[in-house]
Amino acid sequence: MSGAVMHSQPVNKEHIMEYLVILILTLGVTAVLSIWEGFVLMKLWGWFIVPTFGLPALTIAVAIGLALTVSFLTHQMRAKTDESPTDVAASLFGYGFANASIVLLFGWAVTLFL
């Protein structure tokens, strides 16, 4: 780095713990919501799709996987209008990467029950 001065700041353990708690809560909430959405999809499918179209009923694991897939394909994130274009791009990239990673992780976990 030519001419740039790097200042190293001590790692704040409180911030690390805060981020860790947020990560664990996010994973936990995502898991619970994924199961709930899969259950709701399984019930709706059984009530409406099975009798109407004669298709087979969904298992909870397949319903969770299908709900994750539909959610992943249709979710839209809105950018804040008061941010700079660089901040918006970084936020969208970071969120998109994190969202896809979490969906992939839970999707893989669901395949263990198929």
PDB file of N, CA and C in Angstrom:
ATOM      1  N   MET A   1       0.838  -1.173   0.000  1.00  0.00           N
ATOM      2  CA  MET A   1       0.000   0.000   0.000  1.00  0.00           C
ATOM      3  C   MET A   1       0.883   1.235   0.000  1.00  0.00           C
ATOM      4  N   SER A   2       0.870   1.952  -1.040  1.00  0.00           N
ATOM      5  CA  SER A   2       1.732   3.118  -1.142  1.00  0.00           C
ATOM      6  C   SER A   2       1.110   4.308  -0.426  1.00  0.00           C
ATOM      7  N   GLY A   3       1.766   4.756   0.606  1.00  0.00           N
ATOM      8  CA  GLY A   3       1.337   5.949   1.302  1.00  0.00           C
ATOM      9  C   GLY A   3       0.171   5.756   2.266  1.00  0.00           C
ATOM     10  N   ALA A   4      -0.433   4.592   2.287  1.00  0.00           N
ATOM     11  CA  ALA A   4      -1.572   4.368   3.179  1.00  0.00           C
ATOM     12  C   ALA A   4      -1.063   3.910   4.533  1.00  0.00           C
ATOM     13  N   VAL A   5      -1.662   4.433   5.556  1.00  0.00           N
ATOM     14  CA  VAL A   5      -1.287   4.049   6.906  1.00  0.00           C
ATOM     15  C   VAL A   5      -2.385   3.157   7.460  1.00  0.00           C
ATOM     16  N   MET A   6      -2.018   1.980   7.890  1.00  0.00           N
ATOM     17  CA  MET A   6      -2.973   1.039   8.451  1.00  0.00           C
ATOM     18  C   MET A   6      -2.960   1.181   9.964  1.00  0.00           C
ATOM     19  N   HIS A   7      -4.114   1.379  10.554  1.00  0.00           N
ATOM     20  CA  HIS A   7      -4.230   1.440  11.996  1.00  0.00           C
ATOM     21  C   HIS A   7      -4.867   0.144  12.467  1.00  0.00           C
ATOM     22  N   SER A   8      -4.173  -0.567  13.298  1.00  0.00           N
ATOM     23  CA  SER A   8      -4.769  -1.785  13.824  1.00  0.00           C
ATOM     24  C   SER A   8      -5.487  -1.452  15.121  1.00  0.00           C
ATOM     25  N   GLN A   9      -6.717  -1.932  15.206  1.00  0.00           N
ATOM     26  CA  GLN A   9      -7.509  -1.703  16.405  1.00  0.00           C
ATOM     27  C   GLN A   9      -7.650  -3.030  17.123  1.00  0.00           C
ATOM     28  N   PRO A  10      -7.653  -2.994  18.443  1.00  0.00           N
ATOM     29  CA  PRO A  10      -7.813  -4.246  19.173  1.00  0.00           C
ATOM     30  C   PRO A  10      -9.193  -4.847  18.897  1.00  0.00           C
ATOM     31  N   VAL A  11      -9.236  -6.159  18.878  1.00  0.00           N
ATOM     32  CA  VAL A  11     -10.488  -6.859  18.641  1.00  0.00           C
ATOM     33  C   VAL A  11     -11.367  -6.701  19.875  1.00  0.00           C
ATOM     34  N   ASN A  12     -12.563  -6.228  19.658  1.00  0.00           N
ATOM     35  CA  ASN A  12     -13.502  -6.033  20.744  1.00  0.00           C
ATOM     36  C   ASN A  12     -14.282  -7.331  20.939  1.00  0.00           C
ATOM     37  N   LYS A  13     -14.055  -8.009  22.068  1.00  0.00           N
ATOM     38  CA  LYS A  13     -14.694  -9.305  22.317  1.00  0.00           C
ATOM     39  C   LYS A  13     -16.205  -9.179  22.438  1.00  0.00           C
ATOM     40  N   GLU A  14     -16.693  -8.027  22.902  1.00  0.00           N
ATOM     41  CA  GLU A  14     -18.132  -7.834  23.007  1.00  0.00           C
ATOM     42  C   GLU A  14     -18.781  -7.829  21.620  1.00  0.00           C
ATOM     43  N   HIS A  15     -18.103  -7.206  20.643  1.00  0.00           N
ATOM     44  CA  HIS A  15     -18.642  -7.178  19.283  1.00  0.00           C
ATOM     45  C   HIS A  15     -18.650  -8.583  18.680  1.00  0.00           C
ATOM     46  N   ILE A  16     -17.609  -9.334  18.931  1.00  0.00           N
ATOM     47  CA  ILE A  16     -17.542 -10.704  18.411  1.00  0.00           C
ATOM     48  C   ILE A  16     -18.675 -11.532  18.996  1.00  0.00           C
ATOM     49  N   MET A  17     -18.904 -11.420  20.303  1.00  0.00           N
ATOM     50  CA  MET A  17     -19.982 -12.166  20.947  1.00  0.00           C
ATOM     51  C   MET A  17     -21.344 -11.723  20.416  1.00  0.00           C
ATOM     52  N   GLU A  18     -21.496 -10.425  20.189  1.00  0.00           N
ATOM     53  CA  GLU A  18     -22.756  -9.908  19.656  1.00  0.00           C
ATOM     54  C   GLU A  18     -23.020 -10.485  18.266  1.00  0.00           C
ATOM     55  N   TYR A  19     -22.012 -10.496  17.405  1.00  0.00           N
ATOM     56  CA  TYR A  19     -22.166 -11.062  16.067  1.00  0.00           C
ATOM     57  C   TYR A  19     -22.435 -12.563  16.126  1.00  0.00           C
ATOM     58  N   LEU A  20     -21.799 -13.249  17.043  1.00  0.00           N
ATOM     59  CA  LEU A  20     -22.012 -14.686  17.193  1.00  0.00           C
ATOM     60  C   LEU A  20     -23.439 -14.979  17.631  1.00  0.00           C
ATOM     61  N   VAL A  21     -23.946 -14.208  18.584  1.00  0.00           N
ATOM     62  CA  VAL A  21     -25.329 -14.380  19.039  1.00  0.00           C
ATOM     63  C   VAL A  21     -26.296 -14.101  17.891  1.00  0.00           C
ATOM     64  N   ILE A  22     -26.040 -13.036  17.135  1.00  0.00           N
ATOM     65  CA  ILE A  22     -26.903 -12.718  15.986  1.00  0.00           C
ATOM     66  C   ILE A  22     -26.877 -13.855  14.971  1.00  0.00           C
ATOM     67  N   LEU A  23     -25.706 -14.408  14.692  1.00  0.00           N
ATOM     68  CA  LEU A  23     -25.585 -15.519  13.748  1.00  0.00           C
ATOM     69  C   LEU A  23     -26.363 -16.734  14.225  1.00  0.00           C
ATOM     70  N   ILE A  24     -26.215 -17.085  15.489  1.00  0.00           N
ATOM     71  CA  ILE A  24     -26.910 -18.251  16.037  1.00  0.00           C
ATOM     72  C   ILE A  24     -28.419 -18.037  16.018  1.00  0.00           C
ATOM     73  N   LEU A  25     -28.865 -16.840  16.402  1.00  0.00           N
ATOM     74  CA  LEU A  25     -30.303 -16.542  16.363  1.00  0.00           C
ATOM     75  C   LEU A  25     -30.841 -16.583  14.937  1.00  0.00           C
ATOM     76  N   THR A  26     -30.076 -16.053  13.993  1.00  0.00           N
ATOM     77  CA  THR A  26     -30.504 -16.067  12.593  1.00  0.00           C
ATOM     78  C   THR A  26     -30.657 -17.497  12.086  1.00  0.00           C
ATOM     79  N   LEU A  27     -29.683 -18.339  12.387  1.00  0.00           N
ATOM     80  CA  LEU A  27     -29.766 -19.743  11.961  1.00  0.00           C
ATOM     81  C   LEU A  27     -30.940 -20.449  12.627  1.00  0.00           C
ATOM     82  N   GLY A  28     -31.145 -20.189  13.907  1.00  0.00           N
ATOM     83  CA  GLY A  28     -32.251 -20.821  14.628  1.00  0.00           C
ATOM     84  C   GLY A  28     -33.606 -20.383  14.102  1.00  0.00           C
ATOM     85  N   VAL A  29     -33.773 -19.085  13.903  1.00  0.00           N
ATOM     86  CA  VAL A  29     -35.041 -18.570  13.381  1.00  0.00           C
ATOM     87  C   VAL A  29     -35.276 -19.090  11.971  1.00  0.00           C
ATOM     88  N   THR A  30     -34.232 -19.131  11.156  1.00  0.00           N
ATOM     89  CA  THR A  30     -34.367 -19.654   9.795  1.00  0.00           C
ATOM     90  C   THR A  30     -34.803 -21.112   9.809  1.00  0.00           C
ATOM     91  N   ALA A  31     -34.231 -21.896  10.704  1.00  0.00           N
ATOM     92  CA  ALA A  31     -34.606 -23.311  10.801  1.00  0.00           C
ATOM     93  C   ALA A  31     -36.074 -23.465  11.200  1.00  0.00           C
ATOM     94  N   VAL A  32     -36.474 -22.746  12.225  1.00  0.00           N
ATOM     95  CA  VAL A  32     -37.863 -22.844  12.702  1.00  0.00           C
ATOM     96  C   VAL A  32     -38.841 -22.385  11.623  1.00  0.00           C
ATOM     97  N   LEU A  33     -38.550 -21.253  10.987  1.00  0.00           N
ATOM     98  CA  LEU A  33     -39.439 -20.748   9.938  1.00  0.00           C
ATOM     99  C   LEU A  33     -39.472 -21.678   8.723  1.00  0.00           C
ATOM    100  N   SER A  34     -38.346 -22.287   8.393  1.00  0.00           N
ATOM    101  CA  SER A  34     -38.316 -23.225   7.262  1.00  0.00           C
ATOM    102  C   SER A  34     -39.209 -24.430   7.546  1.00  0.00           C
ATOM    103  N   ILE A  35     -39.144 -24.940   8.752  1.00  0.00           N
ATOM    104  CA  ILE A  35     -39.991 -26.079   9.132  1.00  0.00           C
ATOM    105  C   ILE A  35     -41.462 -25.668   9.121  1.00  0.00           C
ATOM    106  N   TRP A  36     -41.760 -24.505   9.676  1.00  0.00           N
ATOM    107  CA  TRP A  36     -43.158 -24.030   9.702  1.00  0.00           C
ATOM    108  C   TRP A  36     -43.694 -23.833   8.284  1.00  0.00           C
ATOM    109  N   GLU A  37     -42.912 -23.182   7.419  1.00  0.00           N
ATOM    110  CA  GLU A  37     -43.356 -22.958   6.043  1.00  0.00           C
ATOM    111  C   GLU A  37     -43.539 -24.283   5.307  1.00  0.00           C
ATOM    112  N   GLY A  38     -42.650 -25.241   5.552  1.00  0.00           N
ATOM    113  CA  GLY A  38     -42.802 -26.561   4.944  1.00  0.00           C
ATOM    114  C   GLY A  38     -44.056 -27.259   5.417  1.00  0.00           C
ATOM    115  N   PHE A  39     -44.347 -27.160   6.712  1.00  0.00           N
ATOM    116  CA  PHE A  39     -45.560 -27.766   7.264  1.00  0.00           C
ATOM    117  C   PHE A  39     -46.810 -27.148   6.643  1.00  0.00           C
ATOM    118  N   VAL A  40     -46.830 -25.814   6.561  1.00  0.00           N
ATOM    119  CA  VAL A  40     -47.980 -25.126   5.966  1.00  0.00           C
ATOM    120  C   VAL A  40     -48.138 -25.538   4.505  1.00  0.00           C
ATOM    121  N   LEU A  41     -47.048 -25.582   3.752  1.00  0.00           N
ATOM    122  CA  LEU A  41     -47.117 -25.999   2.349  1.00  0.00           C
ATOM    123  C   LEU A  41     -47.631 -27.435   2.241  1.00  0.00           C
ATOM    124  N   MET A  42     -47.144 -28.326   3.099  1.00  0.00           N
ATOM    125  CA  MET A  42     -47.581 -29.722   3.071  1.00  0.00           C
ATOM    126  C   MET A  42     -49.093 -29.818   3.293  1.00  0.00           C
ATOM    127  N   LYS A  43     -49.615 -29.059   4.259  1.00  0.00           N
ATOM    128  CA  LYS A  43     -51.048 -29.094   4.547  1.00  0.00           C
ATOM    129  C   LYS A  43     -51.856 -28.510   3.384  1.00  0.00           C
ATOM    130  N   LEU A  44     -51.446 -27.350   2.869  1.00  0.00           N
ATOM    131  CA  LEU A  44     -52.165 -26.737   1.756  1.00  0.00           C
ATOM    132  C   LEU A  44     -52.148 -27.635   0.520  1.00  0.00           C
ATOM    133  N   TRP A  45     -50.994 -28.241   0.275  1.00  0.00           N
ATOM    134  CA  TRP A  45     -50.867 -29.162  -0.859  1.00  0.00           C
ATOM    135  C   TRP A  45     -51.841 -30.321  -0.699  1.00  0.00           C
ATOM    136  N   GLY A  46     -51.883 -30.874   0.504  1.00  0.00           N
ATOM    137  CA  GLY A  46     -52.788 -31.995   0.765  1.00  0.00           C
ATOM    138  C   GLY A  46     -54.257 -31.613   0.656  1.00  0.00           C
ATOM    139  N   TRP A  47     -54.605 -30.403   1.060  1.00  0.00           N
ATOM    140  CA  TRP A  47     -55.994 -29.973   1.013  1.00  0.00           C
ATOM    141  C   TRP A  47     -56.458 -29.614  -0.385  1.00  0.00           C
ATOM    142  N   PHE A  48     -55.578 -29.013  -1.181  1.00  0.00           N
ATOM    143  CA  PHE A  48     -56.025 -28.462  -2.462  1.00  0.00           C
ATOM    144  C   PHE A  48     -55.439 -29.155  -3.694  1.00  0.00           C
ATOM    145  N   ILE A  49     -54.163 -29.433  -3.715  1.00  0.00           N
ATOM    146  CA  ILE A  49     -53.509 -29.973  -4.908  1.00  0.00           C
ATOM    147  C   ILE A  49     -53.797 -31.467  -5.085  1.00  0.00           C
ATOM    148  N   VAL A  50     -53.702 -32.230  -3.998  1.00  0.00           N
ATOM    149  CA  VAL A  50     -53.922 -33.681  -4.089  1.00  0.00           C
ATOM    150  C   VAL A  50     -55.321 -34.005  -4.616  1.00  0.00           C
ATOM    151  N   PRO A  51     -56.382 -33.464  -4.008  1.00  0.00           N
ATOM    152  CA  PRO A  51     -57.710 -33.820  -4.518  1.00  0.00           C
ATOM    153  C   PRO A  51     -58.040 -33.202  -5.882  1.00  0.00           C
ATOM    154  N   THR A  52     -57.513 -32.037  -6.159  1.00  0.00           N
ATOM    155  CA  THR A  52     -57.845 -31.362  -7.418  1.00  0.00           C
ATOM    156  C   THR A  52     -57.128 -31.980  -8.606  1.00  0.00           C
ATOM    157  N   PHE A  53     -55.829 -32.240  -8.460  1.00  0.00           N
ATOM    158  CA  PHE A  53     -55.022 -32.708  -9.591  1.00  0.00           C
ATOM    159  C   PHE A  53     -54.584 -34.166  -9.463  1.00  0.00           C
ATOM    160  N   GLY A  54     -54.883 -34.801  -8.352  1.00  0.00           N
ATOM    161  CA  GLY A  54     -54.536 -36.202  -8.166  1.00  0.00           C
ATOM    162  C   GLY A  54     -53.041 -36.445  -7.992  1.00  0.00           C
ATOM    163  N   LEU A  55     -52.304 -35.424  -7.603  1.00  0.00           N
ATOM    164  CA  LEU A  55     -50.867 -35.577  -7.387  1.00  0.00           C
ATOM    165  C   LEU A  55     -50.612 -36.177  -6.005  1.00  0.00           C
ATOM    166  N   PRO A  56     -49.469 -36.802  -5.820  1.00  0.00           N
ATOM    167  CA  PRO A  56     -49.186 -37.393  -4.504  1.00  0.00           C
ATOM    168  C   PRO A  56     -48.985 -36.327  -3.428  1.00  0.00           C
ATOM    169  N   ALA A  57     -49.247 -36.709  -2.190  1.00  0.00           N
ATOM    170  CA  ALA A  57     -49.039 -35.814  -1.058  1.00  0.00           C
ATOM    171  C   ALA A  57     -47.539 -35.598  -0.863  1.00  0.00           C
ATOM    172  N   LEU A  58     -47.198 -34.471  -0.249  1.00  0.00           N
ATOM    173  CA  LEU A  58     -45.801 -34.157   0.037  1.00  0.00           C
ATOM    174  C   LEU A  58     -45.443 -34.613   1.444  1.00  0.00           C
ATOM    175  N   THR A  59     -44.236 -35.121   1.591  1.00  0.00           N
ATOM    176  CA  THR A  59     -43.711 -35.368   2.932  1.00  0.00           C
ATOM    177  C   THR A  59     -43.232 -34.036   3.488  1.00  0.00           C
ATOM    178  N   ILE A  60     -43.016 -33.975   4.789  1.00  0.00           N
ATOM    179  CA  ILE A  60     -42.572 -32.722   5.389  1.00  0.00           C
ATOM    180  C   ILE A  60     -41.207 -32.310   4.831  1.00  0.00           C
ATOM    181  N   ALA A  61     -40.301 -33.261   4.624  1.00  0.00           N
ATOM    182  CA  ALA A  61     -38.974 -32.918   4.107  1.00  0.00           C
ATOM    183  C   ALA A  61     -39.054 -32.349   2.689  1.00  0.00           C
ATOM    184  N   VAL A  62     -39.857 -32.961   1.834  1.00  0.00           N
ATOM    185  CA  VAL A  62     -40.008 -32.464   0.470  1.00  0.00           C
ATOM    186  C   VAL A  62     -40.680 -31.093   0.488  1.00  0.00           C
ATOM    187  N   ALA A  63     -41.670 -30.913   1.353  1.00  0.00           N
ATOM    188  CA  ALA A  63     -42.359 -29.621   1.450  1.00  0.00           C
ATOM    189  C   ALA A  63     -41.402 -28.526   1.921  1.00  0.00           C
ATOM    190  N   ILE A  64     -40.549 -28.839   2.879  1.00  0.00           N
ATOM    191  CA  ILE A  64     -39.568 -27.854   3.342  1.00  0.00           C
ATOM    192  C   ILE A  64     -38.621 -27.491   2.204  1.00  0.00           C
ATOM    193  N   GLY A  65     -38.124 -28.497   1.493  1.00  0.00           N
ATOM    194  CA  GLY A  65     -37.224 -28.243   0.366  1.00  0.00           C
ATOM    195  C   GLY A  65     -37.889 -27.421  -0.723  1.00  0.00           C
ATOM    196  N   LEU A  66     -39.142 -27.722  -1.016  1.00  0.00           N
ATOM    197  CA  LEU A  66     -39.872 -26.972  -2.026  1.00  0.00           C
ATOM    198  C   LEU A  66     -40.112 -25.536  -1.572  1.00  0.00           C
ATOM    199  N   ALA A  67     -40.476 -25.360  -0.302  1.00  0.00           N
ATOM    200  CA  ALA A  67     -40.688 -24.008   0.236  1.00  0.00           C
ATOM    201  C   ALA A  67     -39.390 -23.198   0.204  1.00  0.00           C
ATOM    202  N   LEU A  68     -38.265 -23.835   0.551  1.00  0.00           N
ATOM    203  CA  LEU A  68     -36.973 -23.152   0.489  1.00  0.00           C
ATOM    204  C   LEU A  68     -36.646 -22.730  -0.938  1.00  0.00           C
ATOM    205  N   THR A  69     -36.912 -23.621  -1.887  1.00  0.00           N
ATOM    206  CA  THR A  69     -36.626 -23.327  -3.294  1.00  0.00           C
ATOM    207  C   THR A  69     -37.461 -22.159  -3.794  1.00  0.00           C
ATOM    208  N   VAL A  70     -38.757 -22.196  -3.527  1.00  0.00           N
ATOM    209  CA  VAL A  70     -39.640 -21.116  -3.978  1.00  0.00           C
ATOM    210  C   VAL A  70     -39.255 -19.803  -3.302  1.00  0.00           C
ATOM    211  N   SER A  71     -38.978 -19.859  -2.011  1.00  0.00           N
ATOM    212  CA  SER A  71     -38.580 -18.652  -1.280  1.00  0.00           C
ATOM    213  C   SER A  71     -37.289 -18.072  -1.843  1.00  0.00           C
ATOM    214  N   PHE A  72     -36.332 -18.934  -2.124  1.00  0.00           N
ATOM    215  CA  PHE A  72     -35.051 -18.491  -2.663  1.00  0.00           C
ATOM    216  C   PHE A  72     -35.228 -17.837  -4.028  1.00  0.00           C
ATOM    217  N   LEU A  73     -36.083 -18.415  -4.862  1.00  0.00           N
ATOM    218  CA  LEU A  73     -36.271 -17.906  -6.215  1.00  0.00           C
ATOM    219  C   LEU A  73     -37.117 -16.635  -6.285  1.00  0.00           C
ATOM    220  N   THR A  74     -37.954 -16.406  -5.292  1.00  0.00           N
ATOM    221  CA  THR A  74     -38.883 -15.277  -5.372  1.00  0.00           C
ATOM    222  C   THR A  74     -38.583 -14.145  -4.399  1.00  0.00           C
ATOM    223  N   HIS A  75     -37.642 -14.323  -3.486  1.00  0.00           N
ATOM    224  CA  HIS A  75     -37.356 -13.290  -2.487  1.00  0.00           C
ATOM    225  C   HIS A  75     -36.699 -12.080  -3.138  1.00  0.00           C
ATOM    226  N   GLN A  76     -37.148 -10.900  -2.738  1.00  0.00           N
ATOM    227  CA  GLN A  76     -36.567  -9.665  -3.253  1.00  0.00           C
ATOM    228  C   GLN A  76     -36.142  -8.803  -2.083  1.00  0.00           C
ATOM    229  N   MET A  77     -34.984  -8.199  -2.195  1.00  0.00           N
ATOM    230  CA  MET A  77     -34.491  -7.291  -1.158  1.00  0.00           C
ATOM    231  C   MET A  77     -34.556  -5.873  -1.696  1.00  0.00           C
ATOM    232  N   ARG A  78     -35.058  -4.990  -0.905  1.00  0.00           N
ATOM    233  CA  ARG A  78     -35.153  -3.582  -1.283  1.00  0.00           C
ATOM    234  C   ARG A  78     -33.969  -2.827  -0.704  1.00  0.00           C
ATOM    235  N   ALA A  79     -33.335  -2.043  -1.530  1.00  0.00           N
ATOM    236  CA  ALA A  79     -32.204  -1.233  -1.077  1.00  0.00           C
ATOM    237  C   ALA A  79     -32.723   0.036  -0.414  1.00  0.00           C
ATOM    238  N   LYS A  80     -31.976   0.521   0.564  1.00  0.00           N
ATOM    239  CA  LYS A  80     -32.317   1.785   1.203  1.00  0.00           C
ATOM    240  C   LYS A  80     -31.948   2.915   0.252  1.00  0.00           C
ATOM    241  N   THR A  81     -32.814   3.899   0.170  1.00  0.00           N
ATOM    242  CA  THR A  81     -32.586   4.984  -0.785  1.00  0.00           C
ATOM    243  C   THR A  81     -31.557   6.000  -0.295  1.00  0.00           C
ATOM    244  N   ASP A  82     -31.254   6.001   0.987  1.00  0.00           N
ATOM    245  CA  ASP A  82     -30.317   6.997   1.509  1.00  0.00           C
ATOM    246  C   ASP A  82     -28.868   6.519   1.505  1.00  0.00           C
ATOM    247  N   GLU A  83     -28.610   5.361   0.929  1.00  0.00           N
ATOM    248  CA  GLU A  83     -27.246   4.837   0.884  1.00  0.00           C
ATOM    249  C   GLU A  83     -26.588   5.176  -0.451  1.00  0.00           C
ATOM    250  N   SER A  84     -25.273   5.211  -0.422  1.00  0.00           N
ATOM    251  CA  SER A  84     -24.540   5.451  -1.663  1.00  0.00           C
ATOM    252  C   SER A  84     -24.643   4.205  -2.551  1.00  0.00           C
ATOM    253  N   PRO A  85     -24.461   4.338  -3.852  1.00  0.00           N
ATOM    254  CA  PRO A  85     -24.528   3.178  -4.750  1.00  0.00           C
ATOM    255  C   PRO A  85     -23.543   2.075  -4.362  1.00  0.00           C
ATOM    256  N   THR A  86     -22.377   2.463  -3.872  1.00  0.00           N
ATOM    257  CA  THR A  86     -21.390   1.463  -3.451  1.00  0.00           C
ATOM    258  C   THR A  86     -21.897   0.692  -2.241  1.00  0.00           C
ATOM    259  N   ASP A  87     -22.478   1.404  -1.270  1.00  0.00           N
ATOM    260  CA  ASP A  87     -23.019   0.740  -0.088  1.00  0.00           C
ATOM    261  C   ASP A  87     -24.189  -0.171  -0.454  1.00  0.00           C
ATOM    262  N   VAL A  88     -25.033   0.288  -1.367  1.00  0.00           N
ATOM    263  CA  VAL A  88     -26.166  -0.529  -1.814  1.00  0.00           C
ATOM    264  C   VAL A  88     -25.667  -1.802  -2.473  1.00  0.00           C
ATOM    265  N   ALA A  89     -24.691  -1.669  -3.359  1.00  0.00           N
ATOM    266  CA  ALA A  89     -24.144  -2.840  -4.045  1.00  0.00           C
ATOM    267  C   ALA A  89     -23.520  -3.813  -3.052  1.00  0.00           C
ATOM    268  N   ALA A  90     -22.769  -3.290  -2.091  1.00  0.00           N
ATOM    269  CA  ALA A  90     -22.141  -4.152  -1.087  1.00  0.00           C
ATOM    270  C   ALA A  90     -23.189  -4.841  -0.230  1.00  0.00           C
ATOM    271  N   SER A  91     -24.233  -4.117   0.164  1.00  0.00           N
ATOM    272  CA  SER A  91     -25.301  -4.707   0.976  1.00  0.00           C
ATOM    273  C   SER A  91     -26.034  -5.794   0.207  1.00  0.00           C
ATOM    274  N   LEU A  92     -26.380  -5.505  -1.047  1.00  0.00           N
ATOM    275  CA  LEU A  92     -27.088  -6.492  -1.861  1.00  0.00           C
ATOM    276  C   LEU A  92     -26.244  -7.740  -2.090  1.00  0.00           C
ATOM    277  N   PHE A  93     -24.960  -7.539  -2.374  1.00  0.00           N
ATOM    278  CA  PHE A  93     -24.075  -8.681  -2.575  1.00  0.00           C
ATOM    279  C   PHE A  93     -23.948  -9.489  -1.298  1.00  0.00           C
ATOM    280  N   GLY A  94     -23.708  -8.810  -0.194  1.00  0.00           N
ATOM    281  CA  GLY A  94     -23.549  -9.504   1.085  1.00  0.00           C
ATOM    282  C   GLY A  94     -24.794 -10.248   1.480  1.00  0.00           C
ATOM    283  N   TYR A  95     -25.952  -9.598   1.355  1.00  0.00           N
ATOM    284  CA  TYR A  95     -27.213 -10.252   1.695  1.00  0.00           C
ATOM    285  C   TYR A  95     -27.480 -11.423   0.754  1.00  0.00           C
ATOM    286  N   GLY A  96     -27.286 -11.211  -0.541  1.00  0.00           N
ATOM    287  CA  GLY A  96     -27.533 -12.280  -1.510  1.00  0.00           C
ATOM    288  C   GLY A  96     -26.655 -13.490  -1.253  1.00  0.00           C
ATOM    289  N   PHE A  97     -25.394 -13.247  -0.959  1.00  0.00           N
ATOM    290  CA  PHE A  97     -24.475 -14.352  -0.681  1.00  0.00           C
ATOM    291  C   PHE A  97     -24.879 -15.067   0.600  1.00  0.00           C
ATOM    292  N   ALA A  98     -25.175 -14.303   1.646  1.00  0.00           N
ATOM    293  CA  ALA A  98     -25.567 -14.904   2.924  1.00  0.00           C
ATOM    294  C   ALA A  98     -26.880 -15.669   2.783  1.00  0.00           C
ATOM    295  N   ASN A  99     -27.864 -15.069   2.097  1.00  0.00           N
ATOM    296  CA  ASN A  99     -29.155 -15.717   1.921  1.00  0.00           C
ATOM    297  C   ASN A  99     -29.007 -17.032   1.152  1.00  0.00           C
ATOM    298  N   ALA A 100     -28.281 -17.001   0.050  1.00  0.00           N
ATOM    299  CA  ALA A 100     -28.083 -18.222  -0.733  1.00  0.00           C
ATOM    300  C   ALA A 100     -27.339 -19.283   0.078  1.00  0.00           C
ATOM    301  N   SER A 101     -26.373 -18.858   0.864  1.00  0.00           N
ATOM    302  CA  SER A 101     -25.611 -19.807   1.683  1.00  0.00           C
ATOM    303  C   SER A 101     -26.486 -20.460   2.739  1.00  0.00           C
ATOM    304  N   ILE A 102     -27.324 -19.672   3.395  1.00  0.00           N
ATOM    305  CA  ILE A 102     -28.211 -20.216   4.421  1.00  0.00           C
ATOM    306  C   ILE A 102     -29.242 -21.152   3.798  1.00  0.00           C
ATOM    307  N   VAL A 103     -29.822 -20.761   2.658  1.00  0.00           N
ATOM    308  CA  VAL A 103     -30.785 -21.621   1.975  1.00  0.00           C
ATOM    309  C   VAL A 103     -30.112 -22.925   1.553  1.00  0.00           C
ATOM    310  N   LEU A 104     -28.906 -22.837   1.024  1.00  0.00           N
ATOM    311  CA  LEU A 104     -28.180 -24.042   0.622  1.00  0.00           C
ATOM    312  C   LEU A 104     -27.909 -24.945   1.815  1.00  0.00           C
ATOM    313  N   LEU A 105     -27.495 -24.374   2.937  1.00  0.00           N
ATOM    314  CA  LEU A 105     -27.232 -25.145   4.146  1.00  0.00           C
ATOM    315  C   LEU A 105     -28.487 -25.874   4.627  1.00  0.00           C
ATOM    316  N   PHE A 106     -29.602 -25.154   4.719  1.00  0.00           N
ATOM    317  CA  PHE A 106     -30.832 -25.791   5.188  1.00  0.00           C
ATOM    318  C   PHE A 106     -31.383 -26.771   4.159  1.00  0.00           C
ATOM    319  N   GLY A 107     -31.245 -26.454   2.890  1.00  0.00           N
ATOM    320  CA  GLY A 107     -31.659 -27.403   1.853  1.00  0.00           C
ATOM    321  C   GLY A 107     -30.886 -28.698   1.943  1.00  0.00           C
ATOM    322  N   TRP A 108     -29.574 -28.598   2.145  1.00  0.00           N
ATOM    323  CA  TRP A 108     -28.756 -29.791   2.299  1.00  0.00           C
ATOM    324  C   TRP A 108     -29.193 -30.578   3.531  1.00  0.00           C
ATOM    325  N   ALA A 109     -29.453 -29.885   4.637  1.00  0.00           N
ATOM    326  CA  ALA A 109     -29.892 -30.578   5.858  1.00  0.00           C
ATOM    327  C   ALA A 109     -31.196 -31.306   5.631  1.00  0.00           C
ATOM    328  N   VAL A 110     -32.105 -30.708   4.856  1.00  0.00           N
ATOM    329  CA  VAL A 110     -33.391 -31.357   4.571  1.00  0.00           C
ATOM    330  C   VAL A 110     -33.195 -32.623   3.746  1.00  0.00           C
ATOM    331  N   THR A 111     -32.222 -32.618   2.830  1.00  0.00           N
ATOM    332  CA  THR A 111     -31.986 -33.818   2.014  1.00  0.00           C
ATOM    333  C   THR A 111     -31.595 -35.024   2.863  1.00  0.00           C
ATOM    334  N   LEU A 112     -31.098 -34.795   4.047  1.00  0.00           N
ATOM    335  CA  LEU A 112     -30.743 -35.906   4.936  1.00  0.00           C
ATOM    336  C   LEU A 112     -31.980 -36.663   5.421  1.00  0.00           C
ATOM    337  N   PHE A 113     -33.155 -36.048   5.279  1.00  0.00           N
ATOM    338  CA  PHE A 113     -34.399 -36.676   5.728  1.00  0.00           C
ATOM    339  C   PHE A 113     -35.215 -37.249   4.572  1.00  0.00           C
ATOM    340  N   LEU A 114     -34.692 -37.167   3.354  1.00  0.00           N
ATOM    341  CA  LEU A 114     -35.420 -37.712   2.191  1.00  0.00           C
ATOM    342  C   LEU A 114     -35.172 -39.196   2.059  1.00  0.00           C
TER     343      LEU A 114
END
